[in-house]
Amino acid sequence: QVQLVESGGGLVQTGGSLRLACAASGSSFSINAMGWYRQAPGKQRELVATITSVGITNYADSVKGRFTISRGYAWRTAYLQMNSLKPEDTAVYYCNYRGQLLRGPSFDSWGQGTQVTVSS
């Protein structure tokens, strides 16, 4: 299986920046797409950004122009650069990988989440 661990969350003031990282470990795999999602207290988990295996990106309207999703070598890391942060960006951020194990079935893995808090 593929295990994911997020890092880089924290407390930042309005207008500040954070860079989240997602580290993937475990079995060798090919990726279909990875994404960043977030869940604020009392709200459903929502899509923030996705990137496909060929680099096509998609962003929620609320973060377009402020957030950038990217990948590292061999998809062993992925990133979410967050600029011009707003209090409404406060949430737990999760990374998600969907793909195929090289010697196994398809997978859909989630990390444990990292807290992002933006103070006003």
Protein backbone atom coordinates (compact mmCIF):
# COMPACT_ATOMS: atom_id res chain seq x y z
CA GLN A 1 0.00 0.00 0.00
CA VAL A 2 0.90 3.66 -0.15
CA GLN A 3 1.18 5.70 3.03
CA LEU A 4 0.90 9.48 3.01
CA VAL A 5 2.11 11.96 5.60
CA GLU A 6 1.36 15.66 5.41
CA SER A 7 3.52 18.37 6.94
CA GLY A 8 3.93 22.12 6.84
CA GLY A 9 0.77 23.27 8.54
CA GLY A 10 0.74 25.87 11.25
CA LEU A 11 -0.48 29.25 12.40
CA VAL A 12 -0.08 32.20 10.05
CA GLN A 13 -1.48 35.71 9.85
CA THR A 14 -3.85 36.87 7.13
CA GLY A 15 -1.89 37.48 3.95
CA GLY A 16 0.84 35.05 4.89
CA SER A 17 2.06 31.93 3.15
CA LEU A 18 2.53 28.27 3.94
CA ARG A 19 3.83 25.35 1.93
CA LEU A 20 2.29 21.98 2.65
CA ALA A 21 4.09 18.79 1.73
CA CYS A 22 2.79 15.26 1.26
CA ALA A 23 5.30 12.44 1.51
CA ALA A 24 4.41 9.08 -0.05
CA SER A 25 6.02 5.83 1.04
CA GLY A 26 5.44 2.12 0.65
CA SER A 27 4.94 0.09 -2.48
CA SER A 28 5.92 1.24 -5.94
CA PHE A 29 3.02 2.74 -7.77
CA SER A 30 1.82 4.70 -10.74
CA ILE A 31 -0.35 7.71 -10.12
CA ASN A 32 -3.63 8.69 -11.71
CA ALA A 33 -4.08 11.87 -9.75
CA MET A 34 -3.36 13.43 -6.43
CA GLY A 35 -5.24 16.09 -4.62
CA TRP A 36 -5.36 18.34 -1.62
CA TYR A 37 -8.58 18.56 0.33
CA ARG A 38 -9.56 20.45 3.44
CA GLN A 39 -12.14 20.22 6.16
CA ALA A 40 -13.10 23.11 8.40
CA PRO A 41 -14.91 22.57 11.71
CA GLY A 42 -18.56 21.74 11.14
CA LYS A 43 -18.13 21.54 7.37
CA GLN A 44 -17.72 18.77 4.85
CA ARG A 45 -14.37 17.93 3.34
CA GLU A 46 -13.87 19.89 0.14
CA LEU A 47 -11.55 19.76 -2.81
CA VAL A 48 -8.79 22.35 -2.86
CA ALA A 49 -6.66 21.32 -5.83
CA THR A 50 -5.80 18.31 -7.94
CA ILE A 51 -3.06 17.37 -10.36
CA THR A 52 -3.13 14.46 -12.80
CA SER A 53 -0.35 12.17 -13.89
CA VAL A 54 0.24 14.38 -16.92
CA GLY A 55 0.29 17.57 -14.92
CA ILE A 56 -3.19 18.92 -15.50
CA THR A 57 -4.22 20.98 -12.50
CA ASN A 58 -7.58 21.99 -11.15
CA TYR A 59 -8.39 24.39 -8.32
CA ALA A 60 -11.39 25.31 -6.27
CA ASP A 61 -12.61 28.77 -7.20
CA SER A 62 -11.90 29.97 -3.67
CA VAL A 63 -8.16 29.32 -4.00
CA LYS A 64 -7.48 30.08 -7.67
CA GLY A 65 -4.61 32.49 -8.09
CA ARG A 66 -3.46 31.97 -4.49
CA PHE A 67 -2.63 28.27 -4.21
CA THR A 68 -0.37 26.15 -6.41
CA ILE A 69 -0.24 22.37 -6.46
CA SER A 70 2.90 20.61 -7.61
CA ARG A 71 4.66 17.29 -7.46
CA GLY A 72 8.12 16.09 -6.65
CA TYR A 73 10.27 13.39 -8.21
CA ALA A 74 8.42 10.15 -8.94
CA TRP A 75 5.41 11.43 -7.04
CA ARG A 76 7.12 10.60 -3.77
CA THR A 77 6.30 14.11 -2.65
CA ALA A 78 3.60 16.61 -3.51
CA TYR A 79 3.17 20.18 -2.44
CA LEU A 80 0.58 22.87 -1.96
CA GLN A 81 1.94 26.40 -1.95
CA MET A 82 -0.57 28.67 -0.26
CA ASN A 83 -0.19 32.42 -0.58
CA SER A 84 -2.37 35.34 0.47
CA LEU A 85 -3.99 33.20 3.11
CA LYS A 86 -7.35 34.19 4.53
CA PRO A 87 -9.11 33.21 7.77
CA GLU A 88 -11.55 31.15 5.71
CA ASP A 89 -8.64 28.95 4.63
CA THR A 90 -8.45 27.64 8.18
CA ALA A 91 -8.96 23.88 8.08
CA VAL A 92 -7.32 20.52 8.33
CA TYR A 93 -5.65 19.82 4.99
CA TYR A 94 -5.42 16.28 3.63
CA CYS A 95 -3.52 14.84 0.70
CA ASN A 96 -4.92 12.05 -1.41
CA TYR A 97 -3.28 9.76 -3.95
CA ARG A 98 -5.19 7.58 -6.41
CA GLY A 99 -3.31 5.14 -8.55
CA GLN A 100 -2.21 1.63 -9.24
CA LEU A 101 0.27 -0.46 -7.31
CA LEU A 102 2.89 -1.85 -9.68
CA ARG A 103 2.28 -5.33 -8.29
CA GLY A 104 -1.19 -5.02 -6.94
CA PRO A 105 -4.59 -3.42 -7.13
CA SER A 106 -5.60 0.19 -7.46
CA PHE A 107 -5.43 2.29 -4.35
CA ASP A 108 -6.94 5.43 -2.88
CA SER A 109 -4.82 6.66 0.04
CA TRP A 110 -5.26 9.55 2.46
CA GLY A 111 -2.91 11.21 4.87
CA GLN A 112 -3.74 12.01 8.48
CA GLY A 113 -4.07 15.73 7.84
CA THR A 114 -2.23 18.87 8.88
CA GLN A 115 -3.83 21.84 10.59
CA VAL A 116 -3.70 25.26 8.95
CA THR A 117 -4.90 28.20 11.01
CA VAL A 118 -5.05 31.72 9.59
CA SER A 119 -5.50 34.47 12.13
CA SER A 120 -7.24 37.73 11.27
